[in-house]
């Protein structure tokens, strides 16, 4: 079953990233970004798979967990899972 939440990208910043290629590390231009999840019910908290892709590496999945933070239903935080 695939579950989707409303997602907004905010605060995109240019940065330098270090990419490990075999036994070398290559620095390249990249971006960091903040993602905002629009949570509308308690059932939308939990673990999700985030697909990360660029023009250098094949797409990969990263597990994140969205948990409540504070007293409001609409305050939440996402954690990258190992």
PDB file of N, CA and C in Angstrom:
ATOM      1  N   UNK A   1       0.841  -1.176   0.000  1.00  0.00           N
ATOM      2  CA  UNK A   1       0.000   0.000   0.000  1.00  0.00           C
ATOM      3  C   UNK A   1       0.895   1.251   0.000  1.00  0.00           C
ATOM      4  N   UNK A   2       0.584   2.194  -0.853  1.00  0.00           N
ATOM      5  CA  UNK A   2       1.341   3.436  -0.917  1.00  0.00           C
ATOM      6  C   UNK A   2       0.514   4.544  -0.289  1.00  0.00           C
ATOM      7  N   UNK A   3       1.111   5.265   0.660  1.00  0.00           N
ATOM      8  CA  UNK A   3       0.460   6.397   1.302  1.00  0.00           C
ATOM      9  C   UNK A   3       1.218   7.647   0.926  1.00  0.00           C
ATOM     10  N   UNK A   4       0.523   8.687   0.566  1.00  0.00           N
ATOM     11  CA  UNK A   4       1.166   9.939   0.209  1.00  0.00           C
ATOM     12  C   UNK A   4       0.658  11.032   1.142  1.00  0.00           C
ATOM     13  N   UNK A   5       1.571  11.927   1.533  1.00  0.00           N
ATOM     14  CA  UNK A   5       1.186  13.092   2.313  1.00  0.00           C
ATOM     15  C   UNK A   5       1.484  14.314   1.467  1.00  0.00           C
ATOM     16  N   UNK A   6       0.786  15.413   1.749  1.00  0.00           N
ATOM     17  CA  UNK A   6       1.039  16.656   1.039  1.00  0.00           C
ATOM     18  C   UNK A   6       2.405  17.177   1.455  1.00  0.00           C
ATOM     19  N   UNK A   7       3.220  17.527   0.490  1.00  0.00           N
ATOM     20  CA  UNK A   7       4.606  17.889   0.741  1.00  0.00           C
ATOM     21  C   UNK A   7       4.913  19.212   0.069  1.00  0.00           C
ATOM     22  N   UNK A   8       5.594  20.087   0.778  1.00  0.00           N
ATOM     23  CA  UNK A   8       6.018  21.372   0.246  1.00  0.00           C
ATOM     24  C   UNK A   8       7.522  21.502   0.433  1.00  0.00           C
ATOM     25  N   UNK A   9       8.229  21.946  -0.597  1.00  0.00           N
ATOM     26  CA  UNK A   9       9.668  22.174  -0.491  1.00  0.00           C
ATOM     27  C   UNK A   9       9.895  23.643  -0.174  1.00  0.00           C
ATOM     28  N   UNK A  10      10.659  23.896   0.871  1.00  0.00           N
ATOM     29  CA  UNK A  10      10.973  25.271   1.250  1.00  0.00           C
ATOM     30  C   UNK A  10      12.456  25.384   1.539  1.00  0.00           C
ATOM     31  N   UNK A  11      12.976  26.575   1.480  1.00  0.00           N
ATOM     32  CA  UNK A  11      14.339  26.881   1.893  1.00  0.00           C
ATOM     33  C   UNK A  11      15.379  26.041   1.143  1.00  0.00           C
ATOM     34  N   UNK A  12      15.435  26.191  -0.179  1.00  0.00           N
ATOM     35  CA  UNK A  12      16.423  25.495  -0.994  1.00  0.00           C
ATOM     36  C   UNK A  12      17.708  26.318  -0.992  1.00  0.00           C
ATOM     37  N   UNK A  13      18.845  25.674  -0.658  1.00  0.00           N
ATOM     38  CA  UNK A  13      20.128  26.365  -0.583  1.00  0.00           C
ATOM     39  C   UNK A  13      21.167  25.644  -1.436  1.00  0.00           C
ATOM     40  N   UNK A  14      21.972  26.413  -2.152  1.00  0.00           N
ATOM     41  CA  UNK A  14      23.113  25.848  -2.880  1.00  0.00           C
ATOM     42  C   UNK A  14      24.184  25.455  -1.878  1.00  0.00           C
ATOM     43  N   UNK A  15      24.865  24.341  -2.121  1.00  0.00           N
ATOM     44  CA  UNK A  15      25.916  23.872  -1.213  1.00  0.00           C
ATOM     45  C   UNK A  15      26.915  23.032  -1.985  1.00  0.00           C
ATOM     46  N   UNK A  16      27.981  22.640  -1.351  1.00  0.00           N
ATOM     47  CA  UNK A  16      28.943  21.698  -1.919  1.00  0.00           C
ATOM     48  C   UNK A  16      28.714  20.354  -1.227  1.00  0.00           C
ATOM     49  N   UNK A  17      28.697  19.299  -2.006  1.00  0.00           N
ATOM     50  CA  UNK A  17      28.506  17.968  -1.443  1.00  0.00           C
ATOM     51  C   UNK A  17      29.724  17.106  -1.754  1.00  0.00           C
ATOM     52  N   UNK A  18      30.021  16.169  -0.886  1.00  0.00           N
ATOM     53  CA  UNK A  18      31.128  15.244  -1.079  1.00  0.00           C
ATOM     54  C   UNK A  18      30.556  13.892  -1.480  1.00  0.00           C
ATOM     55  N   UNK A  19      30.893  13.449  -2.679  1.00  0.00           N
ATOM     56  CA  UNK A  19      30.392  12.179  -3.197  1.00  0.00           C
ATOM     57  C   UNK A  19      31.513  11.157  -3.177  1.00  0.00           C
ATOM     58  N   UNK A  20      31.279  10.024  -2.539  1.00  0.00           N
ATOM     59  CA  UNK A  20      32.283   8.965  -2.500  1.00  0.00           C
ATOM     60  C   UNK A  20      32.141   8.128  -3.763  1.00  0.00           C
ATOM     61  N   UNK A  21      33.193   8.096  -4.564  1.00  0.00           N
ATOM     62  CA  UNK A  21      33.210   7.328  -5.806  1.00  0.00           C
ATOM     63  C   UNK A  21      34.386   6.363  -5.721  1.00  0.00           C
ATOM     64  N   UNK A  22      34.097   5.099  -5.576  1.00  0.00           N
ATOM     65  CA  UNK A  22      35.114   4.070  -5.347  1.00  0.00           C
ATOM     66  C   UNK A  22      35.946   4.465  -4.132  1.00  0.00           C
ATOM     67  N   UNK A  23      37.234   4.689  -4.287  1.00  0.00           N
ATOM     68  CA  UNK A  23      38.084   5.043  -3.148  1.00  0.00           C
ATOM     69  C   UNK A  23      38.378   6.533  -3.093  1.00  0.00           C
ATOM     70  N   UNK A  24      37.677   7.332  -3.866  1.00  0.00           N
ATOM     71  CA  UNK A  24      37.919   8.776  -3.909  1.00  0.00           C
ATOM     72  C   UNK A  24      36.688   9.540  -3.446  1.00  0.00           C
ATOM     73  N   UNK A  25      36.903  10.772  -3.026  1.00  0.00           N
ATOM     74  CA  UNK A  25      35.802  11.670  -2.679  1.00  0.00           C
ATOM     75  C   UNK A  25      35.844  12.836  -3.659  1.00  0.00           C
ATOM     76  N   UNK A  26      34.733  13.082  -4.329  1.00  0.00           N
ATOM     77  CA  UNK A  26      34.628  14.157  -5.313  1.00  0.00           C
ATOM     78  C   UNK A  26      33.671  15.198  -4.781  1.00  0.00           C
ATOM     79  N   UNK A  27      34.098  16.463  -4.755  1.00  0.00           N
ATOM     80  CA  UNK A  27      33.203  17.542  -4.350  1.00  0.00           C
ATOM     81  C   UNK A  27      32.472  18.071  -5.578  1.00  0.00           C
ATOM     82  N   UNK A  28      31.204  18.360  -5.386  1.00  0.00           N
ATOM     83  CA  UNK A  28      30.365  18.801  -6.487  1.00  0.00           C
ATOM     84  C   UNK A  28      29.335  19.782  -5.949  1.00  0.00           C
ATOM     85  N   UNK A  29      28.801  20.634  -6.837  1.00  0.00           N
ATOM     86  CA  UNK A  29      27.721  21.528  -6.449  1.00  0.00           C
ATOM     87  C   UNK A  29      26.470  20.707  -6.164  1.00  0.00           C
ATOM     88  N   UNK A  30      25.717  21.121  -5.178  1.00  0.00           N
ATOM     89  CA  UNK A  30      24.489  20.419  -4.824  1.00  0.00           C
ATOM     90  C   UNK A  30      23.536  21.366  -4.133  1.00  0.00           C
ATOM     91  N   UNK A  31      22.485  20.827  -3.575  1.00  0.00           N
ATOM     92  CA  UNK A  31      21.499  21.621  -2.846  1.00  0.00           C
ATOM     93  C   UNK A  31      21.119  20.908  -1.564  1.00  0.00           C
ATOM     94  N   UNK A  32      20.745  21.674  -0.565  1.00  0.00           N
ATOM     95  CA  UNK A  32      20.065  21.153   0.606  1.00  0.00           C
ATOM     96  C   UNK A  32      18.679  21.778   0.590  1.00  0.00           C
ATOM     97  N   UNK A  33      17.714  21.077   1.112  1.00  0.00           N
ATOM     98  CA  UNK A  33      16.362  21.629   1.134  1.00  0.00           C
ATOM     99  C   UNK A  33      15.621  21.165   2.358  1.00  0.00           C
ATOM    100  N   UNK A  34      14.650  21.959   2.742  1.00  0.00           N
ATOM    101  CA  UNK A  34      13.753  21.598   3.842  1.00  0.00           C
ATOM    102  C   UNK A  34      12.428  21.170   3.242  1.00  0.00           C
ATOM    103  N   UNK A  35      11.886  20.104   3.770  1.00  0.00           N
ATOM    104  CA  UNK A  35      10.598  19.600   3.323  1.00  0.00           C
ATOM    105  C   UNK A  35       9.564  19.843   4.402  1.00  0.00           C
ATOM    106  N   UNK A  36       8.409  20.339   4.023  1.00  0.00           N
ATOM    107  CA  UNK A  36       7.305  20.543   4.962  1.00  0.00           C
ATOM    108  C   UNK A  36       6.204  19.546   4.633  1.00  0.00           C
ATOM    109  N   UNK A  37       5.778  18.801   5.641  1.00  0.00           N
ATOM    110  CA  UNK A  37       4.714  17.826   5.477  1.00  0.00           C
ATOM    111  C   UNK A  37       3.431  18.403   6.044  1.00  0.00           C
ATOM    112  N   UNK A  38       2.365  18.412   5.255  1.00  0.00           N
ATOM    113  CA  UNK A  38       1.074  18.905   5.711  1.00  0.00           C
ATOM    114  C   UNK A  38       0.291  17.728   6.298  1.00  0.00           C
ATOM    115  N   UNK A  39       0.297  17.631   7.623  1.00  0.00           N
ATOM    116  CA  UNK A  39      -0.355  16.535   8.330  1.00  0.00           C
ATOM    117  C   UNK A  39      -1.791  16.941   8.654  1.00  0.00           C
ATOM    118  N   UNK A  40      -2.744  16.091   8.235  1.00  0.00           N
ATOM    119  CA  UNK A  40      -4.142  16.439   8.489  1.00  0.00           C
ATOM    120  C   UNK A  40      -4.823  15.504   9.483  1.00  0.00           C
ATOM    121  N   UNK A  41      -4.144  14.411   9.865  1.00  0.00           N
ATOM    122  CA  UNK A  41      -4.734  13.521  10.869  1.00  0.00           C
ATOM    123  C   UNK A  41      -3.633  12.731  11.567  1.00  0.00           C
ATOM    124  N   UNK A  42      -3.947  12.193  12.738  1.00  0.00           N
ATOM    125  CA  UNK A  42      -2.997  11.401  13.523  1.00  0.00           C
ATOM    126  C   UNK A  42      -2.481  10.197  12.722  1.00  0.00           C
ATOM    127  N   UNK A  43      -3.317   9.645  11.846  1.00  0.00           N
ATOM    128  CA  UNK A  43      -2.947   8.463  11.081  1.00  0.00           C
ATOM    129  C   UNK A  43      -1.811   8.730  10.100  1.00  0.00           C
ATOM    130  N   UNK A  44      -1.531   9.982   9.799  1.00  0.00           N
ATOM    131  CA  UNK A  44      -0.464  10.297   8.841  1.00  0.00           C
ATOM    132  C   UNK A  44       0.923  10.339   9.492  1.00  0.00           C
ATOM    133  N   UNK A  45       1.001  10.286  10.830  1.00  0.00           N
ATOM    134  CA  UNK A  45       2.299  10.161  11.473  1.00  0.00           C
ATOM    135  C   UNK A  45       2.806   8.743  11.250  1.00  0.00           C
ATOM    136  N   UNK A  46       4.115   8.579  11.217  1.00  0.00           N
ATOM    137  CA  UNK A  46       4.685   7.252  11.060  1.00  0.00           C
ATOM    138  C   UNK A  46       5.865   7.256  10.107  1.00  0.00           C
ATOM    139  N   UNK A  47       6.210   6.077   9.623  1.00  0.00           N
ATOM    140  CA  UNK A  47       7.383   5.902   8.778  1.00  0.00           C
ATOM    141  C   UNK A  47       7.002   5.987   7.303  1.00  0.00           C
ATOM    142  N   UNK A  48       7.838   6.661   6.533  1.00  0.00           N
ATOM    143  CA  UNK A  48       7.652   6.818   5.096  1.00  0.00           C
ATOM    144  C   UNK A  48       8.960   6.537   4.382  1.00  0.00           C
ATOM    145  N   UNK A  49       8.875   6.189   3.125  1.00  0.00           N
ATOM    146  CA  UNK A  49      10.048   6.043   2.270  1.00  0.00           C
ATOM    147  C   UNK A  49      10.148   7.285   1.386  1.00  0.00           C
ATOM    148  N   UNK A  50      11.301   7.934   1.435  1.00  0.00           N
ATOM    149  CA  UNK A  50      11.562   9.122   0.638  1.00  0.00           C
ATOM    150  C   UNK A  50      12.512   8.709  -0.481  1.00  0.00           C
ATOM    151  N   UNK A  51      12.162   8.985  -1.730  1.00  0.00           N
ATOM    152  CA  UNK A  51      13.019   8.636  -2.857  1.00  0.00           C
ATOM    153  C   UNK A  51      13.901   9.835  -3.174  1.00  0.00           C
ATOM    154  N   UNK A  52      15.222   9.596  -3.170  1.00  0.00           N
ATOM    155  CA  UNK A  52      16.201  10.641  -3.452  1.00  0.00           C
ATOM    156  C   UNK A  52      16.835  10.316  -4.798  1.00  0.00           C
ATOM    157  N   UNK A  53      16.864  11.309  -5.706  1.00  0.00           N
ATOM    158  CA  UNK A  53      17.430  11.070  -7.032  1.00  0.00           C
ATOM    159  C   UNK A  53      18.174  12.303  -7.514  1.00  0.00           C
ATOM    160  N   UNK A  54      19.185  12.088  -8.316  1.00  0.00           N
ATOM    161  CA  UNK A  54      19.896  13.185  -8.970  1.00  0.00           C
ATOM    162  C   UNK A  54      20.411  12.693 -10.310  1.00  0.00           C
ATOM    163  N   UNK A  55      21.190  13.542 -11.005  1.00  0.00           N
ATOM    164  CA  UNK A  55      21.646  13.150 -12.336  1.00  0.00           C
ATOM    165  C   UNK A  55      22.974  12.384 -12.301  1.00  0.00           C
ATOM    166  N   UNK A  56      23.484  12.064 -11.104  1.00  0.00           N
ATOM    167  CA  UNK A  56      24.749  11.345 -10.982  1.00  0.00           C
ATOM    168  C   UNK A  56      24.524   9.906 -10.523  1.00  0.00           C
ATOM    169  N   UNK A  57      23.683   9.729  -9.532  1.00  0.00           N
ATOM    170  CA  UNK A  57      23.470   8.415  -8.937  1.00  0.00           C
ATOM    171  C   UNK A  57      22.055   7.920  -9.246  1.00  0.00           C
ATOM    172  N   UNK A  58      21.869   6.595  -9.237  1.00  0.00           N
ATOM    173  CA  UNK A  58      20.502   6.078  -9.382  1.00  0.00           C
ATOM    174  C   UNK A  58      19.659   6.455  -8.163  1.00  0.00           C
ATOM    175  N   UNK A  59      18.364   6.478  -8.340  1.00  0.00           N
ATOM    176  CA  UNK A  59      17.449   6.815  -7.239  1.00  0.00           C
ATOM    177  C   UNK A  59      17.625   5.825  -6.093  1.00  0.00           C
ATOM    178  N   UNK A  60      17.528   6.335  -4.867  1.00  0.00           N
ATOM    179  CA  UNK A  60      17.602   5.472  -3.691  1.00  0.00           C
ATOM    180  C   UNK A  60      16.499   5.872  -2.721  1.00  0.00           C
ATOM    181  N   UNK A  61      16.103   4.931  -1.902  1.00  0.00           N
ATOM    182  CA  UNK A  61      15.061   5.173  -0.910  1.00  0.00           C
ATOM    183  C   UNK A  61      15.694   5.438   0.443  1.00  0.00           C
ATOM    184  N   UNK A  62      15.144   6.389   1.169  1.00  0.00           N
ATOM    185  CA  UNK A  62      15.575   6.702   2.531  1.00  0.00           C
ATOM    186  C   UNK A  62      14.348   6.656   3.412  1.00  0.00           C
ATOM    187  N   UNK A  63      14.470   5.986   4.542  1.00  0.00           N
ATOM    188  CA  UNK A  63      13.360   5.900   5.478  1.00  0.00           C
ATOM    189  C   UNK A  63      13.364   7.127   6.382  1.00  0.00           C
ATOM    190  N   UNK A  64      12.201   7.744   6.547  1.00  0.00           N
ATOM    191  CA  UNK A  64      12.036   8.838   7.499  1.00  0.00           C
ATOM    192  C   UNK A  64      10.841   8.514   8.381  1.00  0.00           C
ATOM    193  N   UNK A  65      10.840   9.089   9.562  1.00  0.00           N
ATOM    194  CA  UNK A  65       9.701   8.910  10.467  1.00  0.00           C
ATOM    195  C   UNK A  65       9.183  10.277  10.863  1.00  0.00           C
ATOM    196  N   UNK A  66       7.887  10.501  10.698  1.00  0.00           N
ATOM    197  CA  UNK A  66       7.243  11.750  11.074  1.00  0.00           C
ATOM    198  C   UNK A  66       6.548  11.517  12.411  1.00  0.00           C
ATOM    199  N   UNK A  67       6.948  12.290  13.422  1.00  0.00           N
ATOM    200  CA  UNK A  67       6.382  12.126  14.763  1.00  0.00           C
ATOM    201  C   UNK A  67       5.854  13.468  15.262  1.00  0.00           C
ATOM    202  N   UNK A  68       4.841  13.445  16.160  1.00  0.00           N
ATOM    203  CA  UNK A  68       4.320  14.699  16.723  1.00  0.00           C
ATOM    204  C   UNK A  68       5.388  15.406  17.552  1.00  0.00           C
ATOM    205  N   UNK A  69       5.346  16.729  17.544  1.00  0.00           N
ATOM    206  CA  UNK A  69       6.233  17.535  18.374  1.00  0.00           C
ATOM    207  C   UNK A  69       5.401  18.652  18.978  1.00  0.00           C
ATOM    208  N   UNK A  70       5.435  18.788  20.278  1.00  0.00           N
ATOM    209  CA  UNK A  70       4.655  19.848  20.918  1.00  0.00           C
ATOM    210  C   UNK A  70       3.220  19.434  21.152  1.00  0.00           C
ATOM    211  N   UNK A  71       2.376  20.421  21.401  1.00  0.00           N
ATOM    212  CA  UNK A  71       0.993  20.129  21.780  1.00  0.00           C
ATOM    213  C   UNK A  71       0.021  20.192  20.611  1.00  0.00           C
ATOM    214  N   UNK A  72       0.438  20.696  19.469  1.00  0.00           N
ATOM    215  CA  UNK A  72      -0.458  20.837  18.333  1.00  0.00           C
ATOM    216  C   UNK A  72      -0.329  19.640  17.401  1.00  0.00           C
ATOM    217  N   UNK A  73      -1.454  19.200  16.845  1.00  0.00           N
ATOM    218  CA  UNK A  73      -1.454  18.152  15.840  1.00  0.00           C
ATOM    219  C   UNK A  73      -0.610  18.561  14.645  1.00  0.00           C
ATOM    220  N   UNK A  74      -0.538  19.845  14.371  1.00  0.00           N
ATOM    221  CA  UNK A  74       0.142  20.328  13.172  1.00  0.00           C
ATOM    222  C   UNK A  74       1.622  20.594  13.397  1.00  0.00           C
ATOM    223  N   UNK A  75       2.143  20.364  14.589  1.00  0.00           N
ATOM    224  CA  UNK A  75       3.572  20.483  14.860  1.00  0.00           C
ATOM    225  C   UNK A  75       4.183  19.097  14.804  1.00  0.00           C
ATOM    226  N   UNK A  76       5.108  18.890  13.882  1.00  0.00           N
ATOM    227  CA  UNK A  76       5.717  17.571  13.770  1.00  0.00           C
ATOM    228  C   UNK A  76       7.170  17.715  13.347  1.00  0.00           C
ATOM    229  N   UNK A  77       7.903  16.634  13.452  1.00  0.00           N
ATOM    230  CA  UNK A  77       9.292  16.619  13.051  1.00  0.00           C
ATOM    231  C   UNK A  77       9.566  15.295  12.349  1.00  0.00           C
ATOM    232  N   UNK A  78      10.437  15.319  11.351  1.00  0.00           N
ATOM    233  CA  UNK A  78      10.781  14.101  10.615  1.00  0.00           C
ATOM    234  C   UNK A  78      12.207  13.706  10.937  1.00  0.00           C
ATOM    235  N   UNK A  79      12.430  12.433  11.169  1.00  0.00           N
ATOM    236  CA  UNK A  79      13.754  11.893  11.458  1.00  0.00           C
ATOM    237  C   UNK A  79      14.187  10.958  10.344  1.00  0.00           C
ATOM    238  N   UNK A  80      15.462  11.077   9.916  1.00  0.00           N
ATOM    239  CA  UNK A  80      16.013  10.121   8.970  1.00  0.00           C
ATOM    240  C   UNK A  80      16.363   8.861   9.754  1.00  0.00           C
ATOM    241  N   UNK A  81      15.902   7.710   9.274  1.00  0.00           N
ATOM    242  CA  UNK A  81      16.165   6.437   9.943  1.00  0.00           C
ATOM    243  C   UNK A  81      17.356   5.765   9.281  1.00  0.00           C
ATOM    244  N   UNK A  82      18.155   5.049  10.056  1.00  0.00           N
ATOM    245  CA  UNK A  82      19.306   4.324   9.480  1.00  0.00           C
ATOM    246  C   UNK A  82      18.876   3.004   8.912  1.00  0.00           C
TER     247      UNK A  82
END
